[in-house]
N, C-alpha and C. Protein backbone atom coordinates (compact mmCIF):
# COMPACT_ATOMS: atom_id res chain seq x y z
N MET A 1 6.54 -1.00 13.03
CA MET A 1 5.42 -0.09 13.22
C MET A 1 4.14 -0.91 13.45
N THR A 2 3.49 -0.67 14.59
CA THR A 2 2.24 -1.36 14.90
C THR A 2 1.12 -0.33 14.97
N LEU A 3 0.11 -0.52 14.17
CA LEU A 3 -1.03 0.38 14.15
C LEU A 3 -2.26 -0.33 14.70
N GLU A 4 -3.08 0.41 15.42
CA GLU A 4 -4.29 -0.17 15.99
C GLU A 4 -5.36 -0.32 14.91
N PRO A 5 -5.89 -1.53 14.75
CA PRO A 5 -6.95 -1.71 13.75
C PRO A 5 -8.25 -1.07 14.19
N ILE A 6 -8.98 -0.56 13.23
CA ILE A 6 -10.34 -0.06 13.45
C ILE A 6 -11.26 -0.98 12.67
N LEU A 7 -11.88 -1.90 13.36
CA LEU A 7 -12.63 -2.95 12.67
C LEU A 7 -13.90 -2.38 12.04
N PRO A 8 -14.20 -2.80 10.81
CA PRO A 8 -15.43 -2.35 10.18
C PRO A 8 -16.65 -3.01 10.82
N THR A 9 -17.78 -2.34 10.71
CA THR A 9 -19.04 -2.87 11.21
C THR A 9 -19.97 -3.14 10.03
N VAL A 10 -20.41 -4.38 9.91
CA VAL A 10 -21.44 -4.71 8.93
C VAL A 10 -22.78 -4.26 9.50
N LEU A 11 -23.46 -3.41 8.79
CA LEU A 11 -24.68 -2.78 9.31
C LEU A 11 -25.95 -3.48 8.88
N SER A 12 -25.94 -4.08 7.71
CA SER A 12 -27.13 -4.82 7.26
C SER A 12 -26.71 -5.85 6.22
N VAL A 13 -27.39 -6.99 6.25
CA VAL A 13 -27.19 -8.07 5.28
C VAL A 13 -28.56 -8.63 4.92
N ARG A 14 -28.89 -8.60 3.66
CA ARG A 14 -30.17 -9.17 3.22
C ARG A 14 -29.95 -10.02 1.97
N ARG A 15 -30.84 -11.00 1.81
CA ARG A 15 -30.81 -11.90 0.65
C ARG A 15 -32.11 -11.78 -0.12
N LEU A 16 -32.00 -11.82 -1.44
CA LEU A 16 -33.17 -11.90 -2.31
C LEU A 16 -32.99 -13.14 -3.19
N PRO A 17 -33.53 -14.30 -2.76
CA PRO A 17 -33.28 -15.53 -3.50
C PRO A 17 -33.97 -15.58 -4.87
N ASN A 18 -34.97 -14.74 -5.06
CA ASN A 18 -35.66 -14.71 -6.36
C ASN A 18 -35.97 -13.25 -6.69
N ALA A 19 -34.92 -12.51 -7.00
CA ALA A 19 -35.05 -11.07 -7.22
C ALA A 19 -35.75 -10.78 -8.54
N ASP A 20 -36.45 -9.68 -8.58
CA ASP A 20 -37.12 -9.27 -9.80
C ASP A 20 -36.08 -8.97 -10.88
N PRO A 21 -36.30 -9.43 -12.12
CA PRO A 21 -35.32 -9.20 -13.19
C PRO A 21 -35.00 -7.72 -13.42
N ALA A 22 -36.00 -6.84 -13.26
CA ALA A 22 -35.74 -5.42 -13.47
C ALA A 22 -34.78 -4.88 -12.41
N LEU A 23 -34.90 -5.36 -11.19
CA LEU A 23 -33.99 -4.95 -10.13
C LEU A 23 -32.58 -5.44 -10.42
N ILE A 24 -32.46 -6.68 -10.84
CA ILE A 24 -31.15 -7.25 -11.17
C ILE A 24 -30.49 -6.43 -12.27
N ALA A 25 -31.22 -6.14 -13.32
CA ALA A 25 -30.66 -5.37 -14.43
C ALA A 25 -30.32 -3.95 -14.01
N GLY A 26 -31.16 -3.36 -13.19
CA GLY A 26 -30.94 -1.99 -12.76
C GLY A 26 -29.69 -1.81 -11.93
N TYR A 27 -29.28 -2.86 -11.25
CA TYR A 27 -28.06 -2.80 -10.44
C TYR A 27 -26.85 -3.39 -11.15
N GLY A 28 -27.00 -3.66 -12.45
CA GLY A 28 -25.85 -4.07 -13.24
C GLY A 28 -25.73 -5.56 -13.48
N GLY A 29 -26.71 -6.33 -13.05
CA GLY A 29 -26.66 -7.77 -13.25
C GLY A 29 -27.27 -8.20 -14.57
N ASP A 30 -27.24 -9.50 -14.82
CA ASP A 30 -27.78 -10.10 -16.04
C ASP A 30 -28.90 -11.05 -15.65
N PRO A 31 -30.16 -10.67 -15.87
CA PRO A 31 -31.27 -11.53 -15.44
C PRO A 31 -31.29 -12.90 -16.10
N THR A 32 -30.57 -13.08 -17.20
CA THR A 32 -30.50 -14.41 -17.81
C THR A 32 -29.55 -15.33 -17.07
N ARG A 33 -28.66 -14.76 -16.25
CA ARG A 33 -27.70 -15.56 -15.49
C ARG A 33 -27.88 -15.44 -13.98
N HIS A 34 -28.44 -14.33 -13.55
CA HIS A 34 -28.56 -14.06 -12.12
C HIS A 34 -30.03 -14.10 -11.69
N THR A 35 -30.29 -14.82 -10.63
CA THR A 35 -31.64 -14.82 -10.05
C THR A 35 -31.62 -14.43 -8.58
N SER A 36 -30.49 -14.63 -7.91
CA SER A 36 -30.39 -14.37 -6.48
C SER A 36 -29.42 -13.24 -6.21
N LEU A 37 -29.75 -12.42 -5.20
CA LEU A 37 -28.89 -11.31 -4.82
C LEU A 37 -28.55 -11.39 -3.34
N GLY A 38 -27.39 -10.86 -2.99
CA GLY A 38 -27.01 -10.62 -1.61
C GLY A 38 -26.61 -9.17 -1.48
N LEU A 39 -27.09 -8.49 -0.46
CA LEU A 39 -26.86 -7.06 -0.28
C LEU A 39 -26.26 -6.80 1.10
N VAL A 40 -25.23 -5.94 1.14
CA VAL A 40 -24.53 -5.67 2.39
C VAL A 40 -24.22 -4.17 2.48
N THR A 41 -24.43 -3.59 3.65
CA THR A 41 -23.91 -2.25 3.92
C THR A 41 -22.91 -2.33 5.06
N CYS A 42 -21.94 -1.41 5.03
CA CYS A 42 -20.83 -1.45 5.97
C CYS A 42 -20.35 -0.02 6.21
N ASP A 43 -19.73 0.22 7.36
CA ASP A 43 -19.27 1.57 7.68
C ASP A 43 -17.84 1.86 7.20
N GLN A 44 -17.22 0.93 6.46
CA GLN A 44 -15.91 1.18 5.85
C GLN A 44 -15.96 0.73 4.40
N ASP A 45 -15.66 1.66 3.49
CA ASP A 45 -15.85 1.37 2.07
C ASP A 45 -14.76 0.48 1.47
N ASP A 46 -13.50 0.85 1.64
CA ASP A 46 -12.45 0.08 0.98
C ASP A 46 -12.30 -1.34 1.51
N PRO A 47 -12.42 -1.58 2.82
CA PRO A 47 -12.46 -2.97 3.26
C PRO A 47 -13.61 -3.76 2.63
N MET A 48 -14.73 -3.09 2.38
CA MET A 48 -15.84 -3.78 1.72
C MET A 48 -15.47 -4.19 0.30
N TYR A 49 -14.77 -3.32 -0.44
CA TYR A 49 -14.34 -3.70 -1.79
C TYR A 49 -13.44 -4.93 -1.74
N VAL A 50 -12.53 -4.96 -0.76
CA VAL A 50 -11.65 -6.12 -0.60
C VAL A 50 -12.46 -7.37 -0.24
N ALA A 51 -13.44 -7.20 0.64
CA ALA A 51 -14.26 -8.34 1.05
C ALA A 51 -15.13 -8.85 -0.09
N LEU A 52 -15.63 -7.96 -0.93
CA LEU A 52 -16.39 -8.40 -2.10
C LEU A 52 -15.50 -9.20 -3.04
N ASP A 53 -14.26 -8.75 -3.20
CA ASP A 53 -13.32 -9.51 -4.02
C ASP A 53 -13.06 -10.88 -3.41
N GLU A 54 -12.89 -10.91 -2.09
CA GLU A 54 -12.67 -12.19 -1.40
C GLU A 54 -13.85 -13.13 -1.63
N ALA A 55 -15.04 -12.60 -1.66
CA ALA A 55 -16.23 -13.43 -1.85
C ALA A 55 -16.20 -14.17 -3.18
N THR A 56 -15.61 -13.55 -4.21
CA THR A 56 -15.56 -14.21 -5.53
C THR A 56 -14.64 -15.42 -5.53
N LYS A 57 -13.79 -15.53 -4.52
CA LYS A 57 -12.88 -16.67 -4.44
C LYS A 57 -13.54 -17.89 -3.80
N HIS A 58 -14.70 -17.71 -3.20
CA HIS A 58 -15.32 -18.78 -2.41
C HIS A 58 -16.64 -19.27 -2.96
N ALA A 59 -17.16 -18.61 -3.99
CA ALA A 59 -18.44 -19.02 -4.55
C ALA A 59 -18.58 -18.45 -5.96
N PRO A 60 -19.36 -19.10 -6.81
CA PRO A 60 -19.55 -18.60 -8.18
C PRO A 60 -20.55 -17.44 -8.20
N ILE A 61 -20.07 -16.28 -7.80
CA ILE A 61 -20.92 -15.09 -7.75
C ILE A 61 -20.25 -13.97 -8.55
N ASP A 62 -21.05 -12.96 -8.87
CA ASP A 62 -20.54 -11.75 -9.51
C ASP A 62 -20.85 -10.56 -8.62
N VAL A 63 -19.89 -9.65 -8.53
CA VAL A 63 -20.14 -8.37 -7.86
C VAL A 63 -20.76 -7.46 -8.91
N ILE A 64 -22.05 -7.14 -8.77
CA ILE A 64 -22.72 -6.35 -9.79
C ILE A 64 -22.86 -4.88 -9.41
N PHE A 65 -22.69 -4.58 -8.12
CA PHE A 65 -22.82 -3.19 -7.68
C PHE A 65 -22.00 -3.00 -6.42
N ALA A 66 -21.18 -1.95 -6.41
CA ALA A 66 -20.41 -1.61 -5.21
C ALA A 66 -20.03 -0.14 -5.32
N LYS A 67 -20.68 0.68 -4.52
CA LYS A 67 -20.42 2.11 -4.58
C LYS A 67 -20.39 2.71 -3.18
N ARG A 68 -19.35 3.53 -2.95
CA ARG A 68 -19.27 4.25 -1.69
C ARG A 68 -20.19 5.46 -1.75
N PHE A 69 -20.58 5.92 -0.57
CA PHE A 69 -21.51 7.03 -0.47
C PHE A 69 -20.76 8.33 -0.20
N TYR A 70 -21.36 9.43 -0.57
CA TYR A 70 -20.71 10.73 -0.43
C TYR A 70 -20.53 11.11 1.04
N ALA A 71 -19.35 11.64 1.35
CA ALA A 71 -18.99 12.24 2.64
C ALA A 71 -18.69 11.21 3.73
N GLY A 72 -18.91 9.91 3.48
CA GLY A 72 -18.51 8.90 4.45
C GLY A 72 -19.55 8.56 5.48
N SER A 73 -19.22 7.58 6.31
CA SER A 73 -20.19 7.03 7.26
C SER A 73 -20.60 8.02 8.33
N ALA A 74 -19.75 9.01 8.62
CA ALA A 74 -20.12 10.02 9.63
C ALA A 74 -21.28 10.87 9.16
N HIS A 75 -21.56 10.85 7.87
CA HIS A 75 -22.66 11.63 7.31
C HIS A 75 -23.62 10.72 6.55
N ALA A 76 -23.81 9.51 7.07
CA ALA A 76 -24.65 8.52 6.40
C ALA A 76 -26.10 8.97 6.34
N SER A 77 -26.81 8.45 5.35
CA SER A 77 -28.21 8.84 5.16
C SER A 77 -29.15 8.15 6.15
N GLY A 78 -28.65 7.19 6.89
CA GLY A 78 -29.48 6.50 7.87
C GLY A 78 -28.66 5.54 8.70
N ARG A 79 -29.27 4.98 9.72
CA ARG A 79 -28.55 4.13 10.68
C ARG A 79 -27.91 2.91 10.02
N LEU A 80 -28.50 2.41 8.96
CA LEU A 80 -28.01 1.19 8.33
C LEU A 80 -27.27 1.46 7.01
N SER A 81 -27.11 2.72 6.66
CA SER A 81 -26.51 3.05 5.37
C SER A 81 -25.00 2.86 5.36
N GLY A 82 -24.33 3.37 6.39
CA GLY A 82 -22.89 3.26 6.44
C GLY A 82 -22.21 4.04 5.34
N GLU A 83 -21.16 3.44 4.77
CA GLU A 83 -20.33 4.13 3.79
C GLU A 83 -20.42 3.51 2.40
N ILE A 84 -21.07 2.34 2.31
CA ILE A 84 -21.07 1.64 1.03
C ILE A 84 -22.17 0.59 1.00
N LEU A 85 -22.70 0.36 -0.19
CA LEU A 85 -23.60 -0.77 -0.47
C LEU A 85 -22.93 -1.67 -1.49
N GLY A 86 -22.85 -2.95 -1.18
CA GLY A 86 -22.35 -3.94 -2.12
C GLY A 86 -23.44 -4.93 -2.47
N VAL A 87 -23.51 -5.30 -3.74
CA VAL A 87 -24.53 -6.26 -4.19
C VAL A 87 -23.84 -7.36 -4.99
N ILE A 88 -24.06 -8.59 -4.58
CA ILE A 88 -23.54 -9.75 -5.32
C ILE A 88 -24.71 -10.50 -5.92
N ALA A 89 -24.44 -11.22 -7.02
CA ALA A 89 -25.50 -11.91 -7.75
C ALA A 89 -25.03 -13.30 -8.14
N ALA A 90 -25.97 -14.23 -8.20
CA ALA A 90 -25.68 -15.61 -8.60
C ALA A 90 -26.97 -16.26 -9.08
N ARG A 91 -26.82 -17.43 -9.66
CA ARG A 91 -28.01 -18.19 -10.04
C ARG A 91 -28.56 -18.97 -8.85
N ASP A 92 -27.66 -19.43 -8.01
CA ASP A 92 -28.01 -20.33 -6.91
C ASP A 92 -27.98 -19.57 -5.58
N PRO A 93 -29.06 -19.58 -4.80
CA PRO A 93 -29.03 -18.90 -3.50
C PRO A 93 -27.95 -19.41 -2.57
N SER A 94 -27.56 -20.69 -2.70
CA SER A 94 -26.52 -21.22 -1.82
C SER A 94 -25.18 -20.57 -2.10
N ALA A 95 -24.95 -20.13 -3.35
CA ALA A 95 -23.71 -19.42 -3.67
C ALA A 95 -23.69 -18.06 -2.97
N ILE A 96 -24.84 -17.42 -2.90
CA ILE A 96 -24.94 -16.15 -2.18
C ILE A 96 -24.57 -16.36 -0.71
N ASP A 97 -25.11 -17.42 -0.12
CA ASP A 97 -24.82 -17.70 1.29
C ASP A 97 -23.33 -17.90 1.53
N ALA A 98 -22.68 -18.70 0.68
CA ALA A 98 -21.25 -18.96 0.85
C ALA A 98 -20.43 -17.69 0.65
N ALA A 99 -20.83 -16.87 -0.32
CA ALA A 99 -20.09 -15.64 -0.59
C ALA A 99 -20.24 -14.65 0.57
N LEU A 100 -21.44 -14.52 1.11
CA LEU A 100 -21.64 -13.60 2.22
C LEU A 100 -20.87 -14.05 3.46
N GLU A 101 -20.77 -15.34 3.66
CA GLU A 101 -19.98 -15.85 4.79
C GLU A 101 -18.51 -15.47 4.63
N ALA A 102 -17.98 -15.62 3.42
CA ALA A 102 -16.58 -15.25 3.17
C ALA A 102 -16.38 -13.74 3.31
N LEU A 103 -17.34 -12.97 2.84
CA LEU A 103 -17.26 -11.51 2.93
C LEU A 103 -17.21 -11.05 4.38
N GLU A 104 -18.11 -11.57 5.19
CA GLU A 104 -18.13 -11.16 6.60
C GLU A 104 -16.89 -11.63 7.34
N ARG A 105 -16.36 -12.78 6.98
CA ARG A 105 -15.14 -13.27 7.62
C ARG A 105 -13.96 -12.35 7.27
N CYS A 106 -13.91 -11.90 6.03
CA CYS A 106 -12.85 -10.98 5.62
C CYS A 106 -12.93 -9.67 6.39
N LEU A 107 -14.11 -9.14 6.56
CA LEU A 107 -14.27 -7.88 7.28
C LEU A 107 -13.97 -8.03 8.77
N ALA A 108 -14.20 -9.20 9.30
CA ALA A 108 -13.95 -9.42 10.73
C ALA A 108 -12.49 -9.70 11.04
N HIS A 109 -11.74 -10.27 10.07
CA HIS A 109 -10.41 -10.76 10.40
C HIS A 109 -9.29 -10.28 9.47
N ASP A 110 -9.60 -9.53 8.43
CA ASP A 110 -8.55 -9.21 7.47
C ASP A 110 -8.52 -7.74 7.08
N ALA A 111 -9.54 -7.25 6.43
CA ALA A 111 -9.51 -5.91 5.83
C ALA A 111 -10.10 -4.87 6.77
N CYS A 112 -9.30 -3.85 7.11
CA CYS A 112 -9.80 -2.78 7.96
C CYS A 112 -8.89 -1.56 7.85
N PHE A 113 -9.41 -0.41 8.23
CA PHE A 113 -8.58 0.79 8.38
C PHE A 113 -7.80 0.70 9.70
N TYR A 114 -6.77 1.55 9.81
CA TYR A 114 -5.94 1.60 11.02
C TYR A 114 -5.84 3.05 11.50
N ASP A 115 -5.66 3.17 12.81
CA ASP A 115 -5.48 4.48 13.46
C ASP A 115 -4.06 4.96 13.19
N ALA A 116 -3.93 6.11 12.53
CA ALA A 116 -2.61 6.61 12.16
C ALA A 116 -2.07 7.67 13.10
N ASP A 117 -2.91 8.22 13.98
CA ASP A 117 -2.43 9.29 14.86
C ASP A 117 -2.69 9.04 16.34
N GLY A 118 -3.16 7.85 16.69
CA GLY A 118 -3.43 7.52 18.09
C GLY A 118 -4.71 8.12 18.62
N LYS A 119 -5.44 8.82 17.77
CA LYS A 119 -6.68 9.46 18.19
C LYS A 119 -7.87 9.07 17.31
N LYS A 120 -7.60 8.29 16.29
CA LYS A 120 -8.57 7.87 15.30
C LYS A 120 -9.15 9.06 14.52
N THR A 121 -8.37 10.14 14.46
CA THR A 121 -8.78 11.29 13.65
C THR A 121 -8.09 11.27 12.29
N VAL A 122 -7.05 10.45 12.16
CA VAL A 122 -6.40 10.20 10.87
C VAL A 122 -6.31 8.68 10.73
N THR A 123 -6.83 8.16 9.63
CA THR A 123 -6.83 6.71 9.43
C THR A 123 -6.14 6.37 8.12
N VAL A 124 -5.72 5.11 8.01
CA VAL A 124 -4.99 4.66 6.83
C VAL A 124 -5.39 3.23 6.52
N PHE A 125 -5.37 2.91 5.23
CA PHE A 125 -5.70 1.56 4.76
C PHE A 125 -4.54 1.07 3.89
N PRO A 126 -3.51 0.48 4.51
CA PRO A 126 -2.35 0.01 3.76
C PRO A 126 -2.45 -1.49 3.50
N HIS A 127 -3.45 -1.90 2.75
CA HIS A 127 -3.81 -3.31 2.64
C HIS A 127 -3.12 -3.97 1.45
N VAL A 128 -2.65 -5.17 1.65
CA VAL A 128 -2.07 -5.96 0.56
C VAL A 128 -2.93 -7.19 0.33
N ILE A 129 -3.36 -7.36 -0.90
CA ILE A 129 -4.09 -8.56 -1.31
C ILE A 129 -3.08 -9.49 -1.96
N SER A 130 -2.88 -10.64 -1.37
CA SER A 130 -1.85 -11.55 -1.89
C SER A 130 -2.27 -12.21 -3.19
N SER A 131 -3.58 -12.36 -3.39
CA SER A 131 -4.08 -13.04 -4.59
C SER A 131 -5.45 -12.46 -4.95
N LEU A 132 -5.49 -11.68 -6.01
CA LEU A 132 -6.74 -11.02 -6.39
C LEU A 132 -7.79 -12.02 -6.84
N GLY A 133 -9.03 -11.75 -6.46
CA GLY A 133 -10.16 -12.48 -7.00
C GLY A 133 -10.64 -11.85 -8.30
N GLU A 134 -11.74 -12.34 -8.81
CA GLU A 134 -12.21 -11.90 -10.12
C GLU A 134 -12.65 -10.44 -10.12
N TYR A 135 -13.22 -9.96 -9.03
CA TYR A 135 -13.78 -8.61 -9.01
C TYR A 135 -12.69 -7.55 -9.11
N LEU A 136 -11.75 -7.52 -8.18
CA LEU A 136 -10.73 -6.48 -8.21
C LEU A 136 -9.71 -6.70 -9.32
N ALA A 137 -9.49 -7.95 -9.72
CA ALA A 137 -8.62 -8.20 -10.87
C ALA A 137 -9.18 -7.51 -12.11
N ARG A 138 -10.48 -7.64 -12.30
CA ARG A 138 -11.13 -6.98 -13.44
C ARG A 138 -11.05 -5.47 -13.33
N GLU A 139 -11.30 -4.95 -12.15
CA GLU A 139 -11.29 -3.50 -11.95
C GLU A 139 -9.88 -2.92 -12.13
N ALA A 140 -8.87 -3.69 -11.75
CA ALA A 140 -7.49 -3.20 -11.82
C ALA A 140 -6.82 -3.50 -13.15
N GLY A 141 -7.42 -4.37 -13.96
CA GLY A 141 -6.79 -4.79 -15.20
C GLY A 141 -5.62 -5.71 -14.98
N LEU A 142 -5.67 -6.50 -13.90
CA LEU A 142 -4.62 -7.45 -13.57
C LEU A 142 -5.15 -8.87 -13.68
N ALA A 143 -4.25 -9.83 -13.70
CA ALA A 143 -4.65 -11.23 -13.77
C ALA A 143 -5.17 -11.69 -12.41
N VAL A 144 -6.17 -12.56 -12.45
CA VAL A 144 -6.64 -13.19 -11.21
C VAL A 144 -5.46 -13.91 -10.56
N GLY A 145 -5.32 -13.74 -9.27
CA GLY A 145 -4.22 -14.35 -8.54
C GLY A 145 -3.02 -13.43 -8.35
N SER A 146 -3.03 -12.26 -8.99
CA SER A 146 -1.94 -11.31 -8.83
C SER A 146 -1.99 -10.66 -7.45
N PRO A 147 -0.84 -10.27 -6.90
CA PRO A 147 -0.85 -9.46 -5.67
C PRO A 147 -1.10 -8.00 -6.01
N MET A 148 -1.63 -7.27 -5.04
CA MET A 148 -1.86 -5.84 -5.24
C MET A 148 -1.86 -5.12 -3.90
N ALA A 149 -1.22 -3.97 -3.85
CA ALA A 149 -1.30 -3.10 -2.69
C ALA A 149 -2.45 -2.13 -2.89
N TYR A 150 -3.34 -2.07 -1.91
CA TYR A 150 -4.53 -1.23 -1.96
C TYR A 150 -4.36 -0.18 -0.86
N LEU A 151 -4.09 1.06 -1.26
CA LEU A 151 -3.62 2.07 -0.32
C LEU A 151 -4.59 3.26 -0.29
N VAL A 152 -5.03 3.63 0.92
CA VAL A 152 -6.00 4.71 1.08
C VAL A 152 -5.66 5.52 2.32
N ALA A 153 -5.81 6.84 2.21
CA ALA A 153 -5.60 7.73 3.35
C ALA A 153 -6.20 9.09 3.03
N PRO A 154 -6.27 9.98 4.02
CA PRO A 154 -6.71 11.36 3.74
C PRO A 154 -5.76 12.05 2.77
N PRO A 155 -6.20 13.16 2.16
CA PRO A 155 -5.49 13.73 1.02
C PRO A 155 -3.99 13.95 1.18
N MET A 156 -3.56 14.66 2.23
CA MET A 156 -2.13 14.94 2.36
C MET A 156 -1.33 13.67 2.60
N GLY A 157 -1.78 12.87 3.55
CA GLY A 157 -1.06 11.62 3.85
C GLY A 157 -1.03 10.69 2.66
N ALA A 158 -2.13 10.61 1.93
CA ALA A 158 -2.19 9.72 0.76
C ALA A 158 -1.20 10.16 -0.31
N THR A 159 -1.07 11.46 -0.50
CA THR A 159 -0.17 11.98 -1.53
C THR A 159 1.29 11.74 -1.17
N ILE A 160 1.66 12.10 0.07
CA ILE A 160 3.03 11.85 0.52
C ILE A 160 3.28 10.35 0.60
N GLY A 161 2.29 9.61 1.04
CA GLY A 161 2.43 8.17 1.17
C GLY A 161 2.62 7.47 -0.16
N LEU A 162 1.89 7.90 -1.18
CA LEU A 162 2.04 7.27 -2.49
C LEU A 162 3.44 7.50 -3.05
N ASP A 163 3.97 8.70 -2.89
CA ASP A 163 5.33 8.97 -3.33
C ASP A 163 6.31 8.04 -2.62
N ALA A 164 6.13 7.88 -1.31
CA ALA A 164 7.02 6.99 -0.55
C ALA A 164 6.89 5.54 -1.00
N ALA A 165 5.66 5.11 -1.26
CA ALA A 165 5.43 3.72 -1.66
C ALA A 165 6.06 3.43 -3.01
N LEU A 166 5.91 4.35 -3.95
CA LEU A 166 6.46 4.13 -5.29
C LEU A 166 7.98 4.11 -5.28
N LYS A 167 8.59 4.83 -4.35
CA LYS A 167 10.04 4.88 -4.25
C LYS A 167 10.62 3.73 -3.41
N ALA A 168 9.77 3.09 -2.61
CA ALA A 168 10.26 2.08 -1.68
C ALA A 168 10.40 0.70 -2.30
N ALA A 169 9.71 0.45 -3.41
CA ALA A 169 9.69 -0.90 -3.96
C ALA A 169 9.46 -0.84 -5.46
N ASP A 170 9.74 -1.95 -6.11
CA ASP A 170 9.55 -2.07 -7.56
C ASP A 170 8.08 -2.37 -7.84
N VAL A 171 7.27 -1.34 -7.77
CA VAL A 171 5.83 -1.46 -8.00
C VAL A 171 5.43 -0.43 -9.06
N ARG A 172 4.26 -0.65 -9.65
CA ARG A 172 3.71 0.31 -10.60
C ARG A 172 2.27 0.62 -10.22
N ALA A 173 1.87 1.82 -10.47
CA ALA A 173 0.50 2.23 -10.16
C ALA A 173 -0.43 1.78 -11.27
N VAL A 174 -1.46 1.01 -10.91
CA VAL A 174 -2.48 0.61 -11.88
C VAL A 174 -3.73 1.46 -11.76
N ARG A 175 -3.87 2.15 -10.63
CA ARG A 175 -4.96 3.11 -10.47
C ARG A 175 -4.56 4.13 -9.41
N ILE A 176 -4.76 5.38 -9.73
CA ILE A 176 -4.60 6.46 -8.75
C ILE A 176 -5.87 7.28 -8.76
N ALA A 177 -6.52 7.38 -7.61
CA ALA A 177 -7.71 8.21 -7.44
C ALA A 177 -7.32 9.37 -6.54
N PRO A 178 -6.96 10.51 -7.12
CA PRO A 178 -6.55 11.64 -6.30
C PRO A 178 -7.75 12.21 -5.55
N PRO A 179 -7.49 13.00 -4.51
CA PRO A 179 -8.60 13.57 -3.76
C PRO A 179 -9.34 14.62 -4.60
N PRO A 180 -10.64 14.78 -4.36
CA PRO A 180 -11.40 14.04 -3.36
C PRO A 180 -12.13 12.86 -4.00
N THR A 181 -12.13 11.72 -3.33
CA THR A 181 -13.07 10.66 -3.66
C THR A 181 -14.41 11.03 -3.02
N GLU A 182 -15.39 10.16 -3.16
CA GLU A 182 -16.69 10.46 -2.55
C GLU A 182 -16.58 10.67 -1.05
N THR A 183 -15.62 10.00 -0.42
CA THR A 183 -15.45 10.14 1.03
C THR A 183 -14.32 11.11 1.39
N ASN A 184 -13.83 11.85 0.37
CA ASN A 184 -12.80 12.88 0.57
C ASN A 184 -11.44 12.32 0.99
N PHE A 185 -11.18 11.07 0.64
CA PHE A 185 -9.87 10.46 0.82
C PHE A 185 -9.18 10.41 -0.55
N ALA A 186 -8.10 9.66 -0.66
CA ALA A 186 -7.43 9.40 -1.92
C ALA A 186 -6.96 7.95 -1.91
N CYS A 187 -6.83 7.36 -3.09
CA CYS A 187 -6.59 5.92 -3.18
C CYS A 187 -5.59 5.62 -4.29
N ALA A 188 -4.83 4.55 -4.11
CA ALA A 188 -3.94 4.05 -5.16
C ALA A 188 -3.88 2.53 -5.09
N TRP A 189 -3.81 1.92 -6.26
CA TRP A 189 -3.59 0.48 -6.36
C TRP A 189 -2.25 0.27 -7.03
N LEU A 190 -1.39 -0.53 -6.39
CA LEU A 190 -0.04 -0.77 -6.91
C LEU A 190 0.15 -2.25 -7.18
N ALA A 191 0.80 -2.56 -8.29
CA ALA A 191 1.06 -3.95 -8.68
C ALA A 191 2.55 -4.22 -8.64
N GLY A 192 2.89 -5.46 -8.36
CA GLY A 192 4.28 -5.92 -8.31
C GLY A 192 4.30 -7.29 -7.67
N THR A 193 5.47 -7.75 -7.29
CA THR A 193 5.53 -9.00 -6.55
C THR A 193 4.90 -8.80 -5.18
N LEU A 194 4.61 -9.91 -4.52
CA LEU A 194 4.01 -9.81 -3.19
C LEU A 194 4.95 -9.07 -2.23
N ASP A 195 6.23 -9.39 -2.28
CA ASP A 195 7.18 -8.71 -1.40
C ASP A 195 7.23 -7.22 -1.69
N ALA A 196 7.19 -6.86 -2.96
CA ALA A 196 7.24 -5.44 -3.33
C ALA A 196 5.97 -4.72 -2.88
N CYS A 197 4.83 -5.36 -3.04
CA CYS A 197 3.57 -4.75 -2.61
C CYS A 197 3.57 -4.54 -1.09
N GLU A 198 4.09 -5.52 -0.37
CA GLU A 198 4.15 -5.39 1.09
C GLU A 198 5.09 -4.27 1.51
N ALA A 199 6.24 -4.15 0.85
CA ALA A 199 7.18 -3.08 1.17
C ALA A 199 6.57 -1.72 0.86
N ALA A 200 5.85 -1.63 -0.24
CA ALA A 200 5.21 -0.37 -0.61
C ALA A 200 4.15 0.01 0.42
N ALA A 201 3.38 -0.97 0.89
CA ALA A 201 2.33 -0.70 1.87
C ALA A 201 2.92 -0.23 3.19
N VAL A 202 4.03 -0.82 3.61
CA VAL A 202 4.69 -0.40 4.85
C VAL A 202 5.18 1.04 4.71
N ALA A 203 5.79 1.37 3.58
CA ALA A 203 6.29 2.73 3.37
C ALA A 203 5.13 3.73 3.34
N TYR A 204 4.05 3.33 2.72
CA TYR A 204 2.86 4.19 2.65
C TYR A 204 2.33 4.49 4.04
N ALA A 205 2.14 3.45 4.84
CA ALA A 205 1.60 3.62 6.19
C ALA A 205 2.53 4.50 7.03
N ALA A 206 3.83 4.26 6.92
CA ALA A 206 4.79 5.06 7.70
C ALA A 206 4.71 6.53 7.32
N ALA A 207 4.54 6.81 6.04
CA ALA A 207 4.45 8.19 5.59
C ALA A 207 3.17 8.85 6.09
N VAL A 208 2.07 8.12 6.07
CA VAL A 208 0.80 8.67 6.56
C VAL A 208 0.92 8.98 8.05
N VAL A 209 1.53 8.09 8.82
CA VAL A 209 1.74 8.33 10.25
C VAL A 209 2.62 9.56 10.46
N ASP A 210 3.65 9.68 9.65
CA ASP A 210 4.54 10.83 9.78
C ASP A 210 3.80 12.14 9.51
N VAL A 211 2.99 12.16 8.48
CA VAL A 211 2.21 13.37 8.18
C VAL A 211 1.24 13.67 9.32
N ALA A 212 0.61 12.62 9.86
CA ALA A 212 -0.34 12.82 10.95
C ALA A 212 0.33 13.45 12.17
N ASN A 213 1.57 13.06 12.42
CA ASN A 213 2.27 13.57 13.61
C ASN A 213 3.08 14.83 13.34
N HIS A 214 3.39 15.09 12.07
CA HIS A 214 4.19 16.28 11.70
C HIS A 214 3.55 16.92 10.46
N PRO A 215 2.40 17.56 10.63
CA PRO A 215 1.68 18.07 9.45
C PRO A 215 2.37 19.22 8.72
N ARG A 216 3.32 19.88 9.37
CA ARG A 216 4.03 20.99 8.72
C ARG A 216 5.53 20.68 8.69
N ARG A 217 6.09 20.63 7.48
CA ARG A 217 7.53 20.41 7.33
C ARG A 217 8.03 21.17 6.13
């Protein structure tokens, strides 16, 4: 099964090398450890979460804020808002630079949604992270370096897809976000061996495609 990638667009990137302590604290950081911030908006939320996790593998930074916006990028509050804002923090501005470089590289070459119906009206995110960084490992309650399947689709496809994924491989659900999320999709994180996570992701994507092409059965 070959699906066409829908590459995310980074809409804005800004650096605050000497951010105000109140701003750092307000966004979840620690002003005693963090002085510099990097801020990114993007039109795809889940790839951004993966890219933020990737950034923690390349520089000593913390992800202090990452939230998707309501209703998705098609209903964004402005041209640069997109679907999500991510904020990273560090003591050293050079760490911010290295992390942002890794984040943008991940969004350009690794993490993206895919067209599930040939019309880009149904999309799917059957992503496998071979080695979790500090951010998503903490969020998932897994060890750093663990593999994880990160699965997202619209409500019906996500539900049928999750059932297929859980039955296709020896994986366990560490998080299930049933619909509606802020963007009216549904999400699941599955843990297991790398091979099992990959098999689960393939089964998930196939089920989402099947629902997209045969919505009534």
